[in-house]
Amino acid sequence: MQWVSRITKALAENRFCLYSQTIVAIAPMAREETHYEILLRLTDEEGNLVAPMAFIPAAERYNLMPTIDRWVIETLFKSWPLAEHDGKTIYAINLSGTSINDDQFISFLREQFVLYQVPPQSICFEITETVAIANLTKASQFISELQPTAVIFP
């Protein structure tokens, strides 16, 4: 329960931050794209970075992940002019099962793409197999609604 107030306060005080990590194939590939995974960190009250495994389980348990997922997307999209995007760069964003189940989430995504003029083909949404199987109907709907515009890897 302590994490609920800490996460809520961190969101209100904008103490989450995004990092990108290059995704590199173990074996050489013929692809020309550069792939990055977007990583979320929380900065605590003392300015220390908190790893996601410390707060994500509580955020999932107490239904805070849709808010966090929206924060991640909006923050990345707002900072798009600062990001590397040469038409061959793809950013992977992990999404929670609760966001996939949120009926308003697709509308939110579409609004963000339009508002910040982020090319959908530059974004890859990742969902775990567990989330996809547990929410098969919603995951299928999510994929079919976004597939013509964005890259999706389960």
N, C-alpha and C. Protein backbone atom coordinates (compact mmCIF):
# COMPACT_ATOMS: atom_id res chain seq x y z
N MET A 1 0.82 -1.21 0.00
CA MET A 1 0.00 0.00 0.00
C MET A 1 0.86 1.26 0.00
N GLN A 2 2.06 1.20 0.60
CA GLN A 2 2.93 2.38 0.60
C GLN A 2 3.27 2.82 -0.82
N TRP A 3 3.41 1.83 -1.72
CA TRP A 3 3.77 2.17 -3.08
C TRP A 3 2.67 2.94 -3.79
N VAL A 4 1.42 2.73 -3.43
CA VAL A 4 0.32 3.44 -4.08
C VAL A 4 0.51 4.94 -3.91
N SER A 5 0.73 5.37 -2.69
CA SER A 5 0.92 6.81 -2.45
C SER A 5 2.23 7.30 -3.05
N ARG A 6 3.27 6.49 -3.01
CA ARG A 6 4.55 6.90 -3.59
C ARG A 6 4.44 7.06 -5.11
N ILE A 7 3.75 6.13 -5.76
CA ILE A 7 3.59 6.20 -7.21
C ILE A 7 2.70 7.38 -7.59
N THR A 8 1.61 7.55 -6.87
CA THR A 8 0.70 8.66 -7.15
C THR A 8 1.41 10.00 -6.98
N LYS A 9 2.19 10.11 -5.91
CA LYS A 9 2.95 11.34 -5.66
C LYS A 9 4.03 11.55 -6.73
N ALA A 10 4.69 10.49 -7.14
CA ALA A 10 5.71 10.59 -8.18
C ALA A 10 5.10 11.04 -9.51
N LEU A 11 3.92 10.54 -9.82
CA LEU A 11 3.23 11.00 -11.04
C LEU A 11 2.88 12.48 -10.93
N ALA A 12 2.35 12.88 -9.79
CA ALA A 12 1.96 14.29 -9.59
C ALA A 12 3.17 15.22 -9.65
N GLU A 13 4.31 14.73 -9.15
CA GLU A 13 5.53 15.55 -9.12
C GLU A 13 6.43 15.31 -10.32
N ASN A 14 5.95 14.53 -11.29
CA ASN A 14 6.70 14.24 -12.51
C ASN A 14 8.09 13.67 -12.21
N ARG A 15 8.13 12.69 -11.30
CA ARG A 15 9.40 12.08 -10.92
C ARG A 15 9.66 10.74 -11.60
N PHE A 16 8.89 10.44 -12.63
CA PHE A 16 9.23 9.30 -13.46
C PHE A 16 10.13 9.81 -14.57
N CYS A 17 10.94 8.93 -15.12
CA CYS A 17 11.79 9.33 -16.25
C CYS A 17 11.93 8.16 -17.20
N LEU A 18 12.20 8.49 -18.45
CA LEU A 18 12.34 7.50 -19.49
C LEU A 18 13.79 7.41 -19.94
N TYR A 19 14.19 6.19 -20.23
CA TYR A 19 15.50 5.92 -20.81
C TYR A 19 15.26 5.08 -22.05
N SER A 20 16.22 5.09 -22.94
CA SER A 20 16.13 4.19 -24.08
C SER A 20 17.35 3.28 -24.07
N GLN A 21 17.11 2.05 -24.45
CA GLN A 21 18.18 1.07 -24.51
C GLN A 21 18.17 0.48 -25.90
N THR A 22 19.32 0.46 -26.53
CA THR A 22 19.42 -0.11 -27.87
C THR A 22 19.17 -1.61 -27.81
N ILE A 23 18.39 -2.10 -28.76
CA ILE A 23 18.15 -3.53 -28.90
C ILE A 23 19.02 -4.00 -30.05
N VAL A 24 19.92 -4.93 -29.74
CA VAL A 24 20.87 -5.41 -30.73
C VAL A 24 20.68 -6.91 -30.90
N ALA A 25 20.64 -7.34 -32.14
CA ALA A 25 20.51 -8.77 -32.43
C ALA A 25 21.80 -9.50 -32.09
N ILE A 26 21.67 -10.70 -31.59
CA ILE A 26 22.84 -11.52 -31.27
C ILE A 26 23.55 -11.92 -32.56
N ALA A 27 22.77 -12.31 -33.54
CA ALA A 27 23.33 -12.67 -34.85
C ALA A 27 23.08 -11.52 -35.82
N PRO A 28 23.97 -11.33 -36.76
CA PRO A 28 23.75 -10.26 -37.75
C PRO A 28 22.43 -10.47 -38.49
N MET A 29 21.76 -9.36 -38.72
CA MET A 29 20.47 -9.41 -39.41
C MET A 29 20.52 -8.48 -40.61
N ALA A 30 19.65 -8.72 -41.57
CA ALA A 30 19.61 -7.91 -42.78
C ALA A 30 18.77 -6.65 -42.60
N ARG A 31 18.27 -6.40 -41.40
CA ARG A 31 17.42 -5.23 -41.16
C ARG A 31 18.25 -3.96 -41.07
N GLU A 32 17.67 -2.89 -41.54
CA GLU A 32 18.35 -1.61 -41.50
C GLU A 32 17.88 -0.76 -40.32
N GLU A 33 16.79 -1.15 -39.66
CA GLU A 33 16.23 -0.34 -38.59
C GLU A 33 17.10 -0.39 -37.34
N THR A 34 17.03 0.69 -36.58
CA THR A 34 17.61 0.75 -35.25
C THR A 34 16.46 0.63 -34.28
N HIS A 35 16.58 -0.26 -33.31
CA HIS A 35 15.51 -0.50 -32.35
C HIS A 35 15.95 -0.06 -30.96
N TYR A 36 15.04 0.61 -30.27
CA TYR A 36 15.26 1.01 -28.88
C TYR A 36 14.09 0.54 -28.04
N GLU A 37 14.37 0.13 -26.83
CA GLU A 37 13.31 -0.17 -25.88
C GLU A 37 13.23 1.00 -24.91
N ILE A 38 12.02 1.45 -24.65
CA ILE A 38 11.81 2.54 -23.69
C ILE A 38 11.72 1.93 -22.30
N LEU A 39 12.55 2.44 -21.40
CA LEU A 39 12.62 1.95 -20.03
C LEU A 39 12.10 3.02 -19.08
N LEU A 40 11.35 2.60 -18.09
CA LEU A 40 10.77 3.52 -17.11
C LEU A 40 11.51 3.39 -15.79
N ARG A 41 11.82 4.52 -15.20
CA ARG A 41 12.42 4.56 -13.87
C ARG A 41 11.68 5.61 -13.05
N LEU A 42 11.69 5.43 -11.77
CA LEU A 42 11.11 6.37 -10.83
C LEU A 42 12.25 7.00 -10.04
N THR A 43 12.18 8.29 -9.84
CA THR A 43 13.15 8.96 -8.98
C THR A 43 12.49 9.16 -7.63
N ASP A 44 13.12 8.64 -6.58
CA ASP A 44 12.49 8.76 -5.27
C ASP A 44 12.68 10.16 -4.69
N GLU A 45 12.18 10.36 -3.49
CA GLU A 45 12.20 11.69 -2.86
C GLU A 45 13.62 12.20 -2.62
N GLU A 46 14.60 11.29 -2.53
CA GLU A 46 15.99 11.69 -2.32
C GLU A 46 16.78 11.83 -3.63
N GLY A 47 16.10 11.59 -4.76
CA GLY A 47 16.75 11.73 -6.05
C GLY A 47 17.39 10.45 -6.57
N ASN A 48 17.16 9.32 -5.91
CA ASN A 48 17.72 8.04 -6.35
C ASN A 48 16.77 7.37 -7.35
N LEU A 49 17.37 6.70 -8.33
CA LEU A 49 16.57 5.96 -9.29
C LEU A 49 16.07 4.66 -8.67
N VAL A 50 14.81 4.36 -8.93
CA VAL A 50 14.18 3.15 -8.42
C VAL A 50 13.89 2.25 -9.62
N ALA A 51 14.36 1.02 -9.55
CA ALA A 51 14.13 0.05 -10.63
C ALA A 51 12.65 -0.29 -10.72
N PRO A 52 12.17 -0.60 -11.92
CA PRO A 52 10.75 -0.88 -12.10
C PRO A 52 10.24 -2.08 -11.29
N MET A 53 11.07 -3.06 -11.05
CA MET A 53 10.60 -4.22 -10.30
C MET A 53 10.26 -3.87 -8.85
N ALA A 54 10.67 -2.72 -8.40
CA ALA A 54 10.32 -2.28 -7.04
C ALA A 54 8.91 -1.70 -7.00
N PHE A 55 8.45 -1.08 -8.08
CA PHE A 55 7.14 -0.41 -8.04
C PHE A 55 6.10 -0.97 -9.02
N ILE A 56 6.52 -1.62 -10.09
CA ILE A 56 5.56 -2.12 -11.08
C ILE A 56 4.59 -3.16 -10.48
N PRO A 57 5.05 -4.13 -9.69
CA PRO A 57 4.08 -5.07 -9.12
C PRO A 57 2.96 -4.38 -8.32
N ALA A 58 3.32 -3.37 -7.53
CA ALA A 58 2.29 -2.64 -6.77
C ALA A 58 1.40 -1.84 -7.72
N ALA A 59 1.98 -1.25 -8.75
CA ALA A 59 1.19 -0.48 -9.72
C ALA A 59 0.20 -1.40 -10.44
N GLU A 60 0.62 -2.62 -10.74
CA GLU A 60 -0.29 -3.58 -11.37
C GLU A 60 -1.38 -4.00 -10.40
N ARG A 61 -0.99 -4.31 -9.18
CA ARG A 61 -1.94 -4.79 -8.18
C ARG A 61 -3.02 -3.76 -7.88
N TYR A 62 -2.63 -2.47 -7.83
CA TYR A 62 -3.56 -1.41 -7.44
C TYR A 62 -4.06 -0.59 -8.63
N ASN A 63 -4.00 -1.18 -9.83
CA ASN A 63 -4.59 -0.60 -11.04
C ASN A 63 -4.04 0.79 -11.40
N LEU A 64 -2.74 0.99 -11.21
CA LEU A 64 -2.11 2.25 -11.58
C LEU A 64 -1.38 2.16 -12.93
N MET A 65 -1.30 0.97 -13.49
CA MET A 65 -0.55 0.81 -14.74
C MET A 65 -1.15 1.56 -15.92
N PRO A 66 -2.48 1.64 -16.07
CA PRO A 66 -2.97 2.44 -17.20
C PRO A 66 -2.51 3.89 -17.14
N THR A 67 -2.47 4.46 -15.94
CA THR A 67 -1.99 5.83 -15.78
C THR A 67 -0.51 5.92 -16.12
N ILE A 68 0.26 4.95 -15.66
CA ILE A 68 1.70 4.94 -15.95
C ILE A 68 1.94 4.72 -17.44
N ASP A 69 1.23 3.78 -18.05
CA ASP A 69 1.40 3.56 -19.49
C ASP A 69 1.08 4.82 -20.29
N ARG A 70 0.03 5.51 -19.90
CA ARG A 70 -0.32 6.76 -20.58
C ARG A 70 0.77 7.81 -20.38
N TRP A 71 1.34 7.86 -19.17
CA TRP A 71 2.42 8.81 -18.89
C TRP A 71 3.61 8.51 -19.80
N VAL A 72 3.96 7.24 -19.92
CA VAL A 72 5.10 6.84 -20.76
C VAL A 72 4.87 7.29 -22.21
N ILE A 73 3.71 6.97 -22.74
CA ILE A 73 3.42 7.31 -24.13
C ILE A 73 3.40 8.82 -24.34
N GLU A 74 2.70 9.52 -23.49
CA GLU A 74 2.62 10.98 -23.65
C GLU A 74 4.00 11.63 -23.51
N THR A 75 4.79 11.17 -22.56
CA THR A 75 6.12 11.74 -22.34
C THR A 75 7.04 11.47 -23.52
N LEU A 76 7.04 10.24 -24.03
CA LEU A 76 7.85 9.93 -25.20
C LEU A 76 7.41 10.76 -26.39
N PHE A 77 6.11 10.83 -26.63
CA PHE A 77 5.61 11.56 -27.77
C PHE A 77 5.89 13.06 -27.65
N LYS A 78 5.76 13.61 -26.45
CA LYS A 78 6.08 15.04 -26.25
C LYS A 78 7.53 15.33 -26.57
N SER A 79 8.40 14.39 -26.26
CA SER A 79 9.84 14.61 -26.47
C SER A 79 10.29 14.13 -27.85
N TRP A 80 9.34 13.81 -28.72
CA TRP A 80 9.66 13.28 -30.04
C TRP A 80 10.66 14.14 -30.81
N PRO A 81 10.56 15.46 -30.78
CA PRO A 81 11.55 16.27 -31.53
C PRO A 81 13.00 16.04 -31.07
N LEU A 82 13.19 15.56 -29.84
CA LEU A 82 14.53 15.30 -29.32
C LEU A 82 15.02 13.89 -29.60
N ALA A 83 14.11 13.01 -30.00
CA ALA A 83 14.45 11.60 -30.22
C ALA A 83 15.07 11.40 -31.59
N GLU A 84 15.85 10.33 -31.69
CA GLU A 84 16.39 9.94 -32.99
C GLU A 84 15.25 9.32 -33.79
N HIS A 85 14.97 9.87 -34.94
CA HIS A 85 13.92 9.29 -35.79
C HIS A 85 14.19 9.65 -37.24
N ASP A 86 14.88 8.75 -37.87
CA ASP A 86 15.26 8.95 -39.26
C ASP A 86 14.42 8.14 -40.23
N GLY A 87 13.31 7.62 -39.75
CA GLY A 87 12.48 6.78 -40.59
C GLY A 87 12.87 5.31 -40.50
N LYS A 88 14.02 5.03 -39.90
CA LYS A 88 14.49 3.66 -39.73
C LYS A 88 14.70 3.33 -38.26
N THR A 89 14.07 4.09 -37.40
CA THR A 89 14.21 3.89 -35.96
C THR A 89 12.86 3.49 -35.38
N ILE A 90 12.88 2.46 -34.55
CA ILE A 90 11.66 1.97 -33.92
C ILE A 90 11.86 1.97 -32.41
N TYR A 91 10.87 2.53 -31.71
CA TYR A 91 10.87 2.57 -30.25
C TYR A 91 9.84 1.58 -29.73
N ALA A 92 10.27 0.68 -28.86
CA ALA A 92 9.39 -0.34 -28.28
C ALA A 92 8.91 0.13 -26.90
N ILE A 93 7.61 0.07 -26.71
CA ILE A 93 6.98 0.46 -25.44
C ILE A 93 6.22 -0.74 -24.90
N ASN A 94 6.53 -1.15 -23.69
CA ASN A 94 5.81 -2.24 -23.04
C ASN A 94 4.48 -1.72 -22.52
N LEU A 95 3.43 -2.50 -22.75
CA LEU A 95 2.10 -2.13 -22.25
C LEU A 95 1.60 -3.18 -21.28
N SER A 96 0.87 -2.73 -20.29
CA SER A 96 0.30 -3.64 -19.30
C SER A 96 -1.01 -4.23 -19.80
N GLY A 97 -1.40 -5.32 -19.18
CA GLY A 97 -2.67 -5.94 -19.50
C GLY A 97 -3.86 -5.05 -19.20
N THR A 98 -3.74 -4.25 -18.14
CA THR A 98 -4.86 -3.38 -17.79
C THR A 98 -5.05 -2.28 -18.84
N SER A 99 -3.99 -1.84 -19.46
CA SER A 99 -4.13 -0.86 -20.54
C SER A 99 -4.79 -1.49 -21.76
N ILE A 100 -4.40 -2.73 -22.06
CA ILE A 100 -5.01 -3.43 -23.18
C ILE A 100 -6.51 -3.60 -22.95
N ASN A 101 -6.90 -3.82 -21.70
CA ASN A 101 -8.32 -4.01 -21.36
C ASN A 101 -9.10 -2.71 -21.27
N ASP A 102 -8.43 -1.57 -21.25
CA ASP A 102 -9.07 -0.27 -21.12
C ASP A 102 -9.71 0.12 -22.46
N ASP A 103 -11.02 0.24 -22.47
CA ASP A 103 -11.74 0.56 -23.70
C ASP A 103 -11.37 1.93 -24.28
N GLN A 104 -10.87 2.84 -23.47
CA GLN A 104 -10.51 4.18 -23.93
C GLN A 104 -9.06 4.28 -24.40
N PHE A 105 -8.28 3.21 -24.22
CA PHE A 105 -6.85 3.28 -24.49
C PHE A 105 -6.54 3.49 -25.97
N ILE A 106 -7.24 2.81 -26.85
CA ILE A 106 -7.00 2.98 -28.30
C ILE A 106 -7.26 4.43 -28.71
N SER A 107 -8.34 5.00 -28.21
CA SER A 107 -8.64 6.41 -28.52
C SER A 107 -7.52 7.32 -28.01
N PHE A 108 -7.04 7.04 -26.81
CA PHE A 108 -5.93 7.82 -26.26
C PHE A 108 -4.71 7.73 -27.18
N LEU A 109 -4.37 6.52 -27.61
CA LEU A 109 -3.21 6.34 -28.50
C LEU A 109 -3.37 7.12 -29.79
N ARG A 110 -4.52 7.00 -30.39
CA ARG A 110 -4.76 7.72 -31.65
C ARG A 110 -4.63 9.23 -31.46
N GLU A 111 -5.16 9.74 -30.36
CA GLU A 111 -5.04 11.18 -30.07
C GLU A 111 -3.58 11.59 -29.93
N GLN A 112 -2.79 10.77 -29.25
CA GLN A 112 -1.39 11.10 -29.03
C GLN A 112 -0.60 11.10 -30.35
N PHE A 113 -0.88 10.12 -31.21
CA PHE A 113 -0.20 10.08 -32.51
C PHE A 113 -0.50 11.35 -33.31
N VAL A 114 -1.74 11.79 -33.30
CA VAL A 114 -2.13 12.98 -34.05
C VAL A 114 -1.57 14.24 -33.38
N LEU A 115 -1.75 14.35 -32.09
CA LEU A 115 -1.34 15.54 -31.35
C LEU A 115 0.15 15.82 -31.49
N TYR A 116 0.98 14.79 -31.38
CA TYR A 116 2.43 14.99 -31.39
C TYR A 116 3.09 14.63 -32.73
N GLN A 117 2.27 14.27 -33.72
CA GLN A 117 2.76 13.96 -35.07
C GLN A 117 3.88 12.91 -35.06
N VAL A 118 3.68 11.88 -34.25
CA VAL A 118 4.63 10.77 -34.20
C VAL A 118 4.22 9.77 -35.27
N PRO A 119 5.16 9.39 -36.14
CA PRO A 119 4.80 8.41 -37.17
C PRO A 119 4.53 7.04 -36.53
N PRO A 120 3.36 6.49 -36.70
CA PRO A 120 3.02 5.22 -36.03
C PRO A 120 3.98 4.07 -36.35
N GLN A 121 4.57 4.07 -37.54
CA GLN A 121 5.49 3.00 -37.89
C GLN A 121 6.79 3.07 -37.10
N SER A 122 7.00 4.13 -36.34
CA SER A 122 8.19 4.27 -35.50
C SER A 122 7.98 3.74 -34.08
N ILE A 123 6.77 3.29 -33.79
CA ILE A 123 6.44 2.83 -32.45
C ILE A 123 6.05 1.36 -32.50
N CYS A 124 6.59 0.61 -31.57
CA CYS A 124 6.27 -0.81 -31.42
C CYS A 124 5.69 -1.01 -30.03
N PHE A 125 4.49 -1.52 -29.94
CA PHE A 125 3.90 -1.82 -28.64
C PHE A 125 4.14 -3.29 -28.33
N GLU A 126 4.68 -3.53 -27.16
CA GLU A 126 4.95 -4.90 -26.73
C GLU A 126 4.00 -5.31 -25.62
N ILE A 127 3.44 -6.48 -25.80
CA ILE A 127 2.64 -7.08 -24.73
C ILE A 127 3.18 -8.49 -24.53
N THR A 128 3.15 -8.95 -23.31
CA THR A 128 3.67 -10.29 -23.03
C THR A 128 2.69 -11.34 -23.54
N GLU A 129 3.21 -12.53 -23.76
CA GLU A 129 2.36 -13.63 -24.19
C GLU A 129 1.30 -13.91 -23.13
N THR A 130 1.68 -13.79 -21.87
CA THR A 130 0.74 -14.03 -20.77
C THR A 130 -0.43 -13.06 -20.84
N VAL A 131 -0.14 -11.78 -21.08
CA VAL A 131 -1.19 -10.77 -21.21
C VAL A 131 -2.05 -11.07 -22.43
N ALA A 132 -1.42 -11.41 -23.54
CA ALA A 132 -2.17 -11.69 -24.76
C ALA A 132 -3.10 -12.88 -24.59
N ILE A 133 -2.61 -13.93 -23.96
CA ILE A 133 -3.43 -15.14 -23.78
C ILE A 133 -4.54 -14.89 -22.76
N ALA A 134 -4.21 -14.19 -21.67
CA ALA A 134 -5.21 -13.93 -20.63
C ALA A 134 -6.29 -12.97 -21.12
N ASN A 135 -5.97 -12.14 -22.08
CA ASN A 135 -6.90 -11.14 -22.61
C ASN A 135 -7.00 -11.28 -24.12
N LEU A 136 -7.21 -12.49 -24.58
CA LEU A 136 -7.13 -12.78 -26.01
C LEU A 136 -8.03 -11.90 -26.87
N THR A 137 -9.27 -11.71 -26.46
CA THR A 137 -10.19 -10.90 -27.25
C THR A 137 -9.71 -9.46 -27.31
N LYS A 138 -9.36 -8.89 -26.15
CA LYS A 138 -8.90 -7.49 -26.12
C LYS A 138 -7.57 -7.33 -26.85
N ALA A 139 -6.65 -8.28 -26.66
CA ALA A 139 -5.36 -8.21 -27.34
C ALA A 139 -5.55 -8.28 -28.85
N SER A 140 -6.42 -9.17 -29.31
CA SER A 140 -6.70 -9.27 -30.75
C SER A 140 -7.30 -7.99 -31.29
N GLN A 141 -8.23 -7.42 -30.53
CA GLN A 141 -8.86 -6.15 -30.93
C GLN A 141 -7.80 -5.04 -31.00
N PHE A 142 -6.95 -4.97 -29.98
CA PHE A 142 -5.89 -3.96 -29.93
C PHE A 142 -4.98 -4.09 -31.15
N ILE A 143 -4.54 -5.30 -31.43
CA ILE A 143 -3.64 -5.53 -32.56
C ILE A 143 -4.32 -5.18 -33.88
N SER A 144 -5.55 -5.64 -34.07
CA SER A 144 -6.22 -5.38 -35.34
C SER A 144 -6.51 -3.90 -35.55
N GLU A 145 -6.80 -3.17 -34.48
CA GLU A 145 -7.09 -1.74 -34.63
C GLU A 145 -5.83 -0.92 -34.88
N LEU A 146 -4.69 -1.36 -34.37
CA LEU A 146 -3.47 -0.58 -34.54
C LEU A 146 -2.53 -1.12 -35.61
N GLN A 147 -2.70 -2.34 -36.01
CA GLN A 147 -1.76 -2.95 -36.94
C GLN A 147 -1.55 -2.18 -38.23
N PRO A 148 -2.58 -1.59 -38.82
CA PRO A 148 -2.32 -0.84 -40.06
C PRO A 148 -1.44 0.38 -39.83
N THR A 149 -1.30 0.84 -38.58
CA THR A 149 -0.55 2.07 -38.35
C THR A 149 0.69 1.91 -37.52
N ALA A 150 0.77 0.88 -36.70
CA ALA A 150 1.92 0.74 -35.80
C ALA A 150 2.44 -0.69 -35.83
N VAL A 151 3.67 -0.85 -35.41
CA VAL A 151 4.29 -2.16 -35.33
C VAL A 151 3.95 -2.75 -33.97
N ILE A 152 3.52 -4.01 -33.94
CA ILE A 152 3.16 -4.64 -32.69
C ILE A 152 3.81 -6.00 -32.62
N PHE A 153 4.59 -6.23 -31.57
CA PHE A 153 5.22 -7.54 -31.36
C PHE A 153 4.73 -8.10 -30.05
N PRO A 154 4.01 -9.22 -30.07
CA PRO A 154 3.61 -9.84 -28.81
C PRO A 154 4.80 -10.58 -28.21
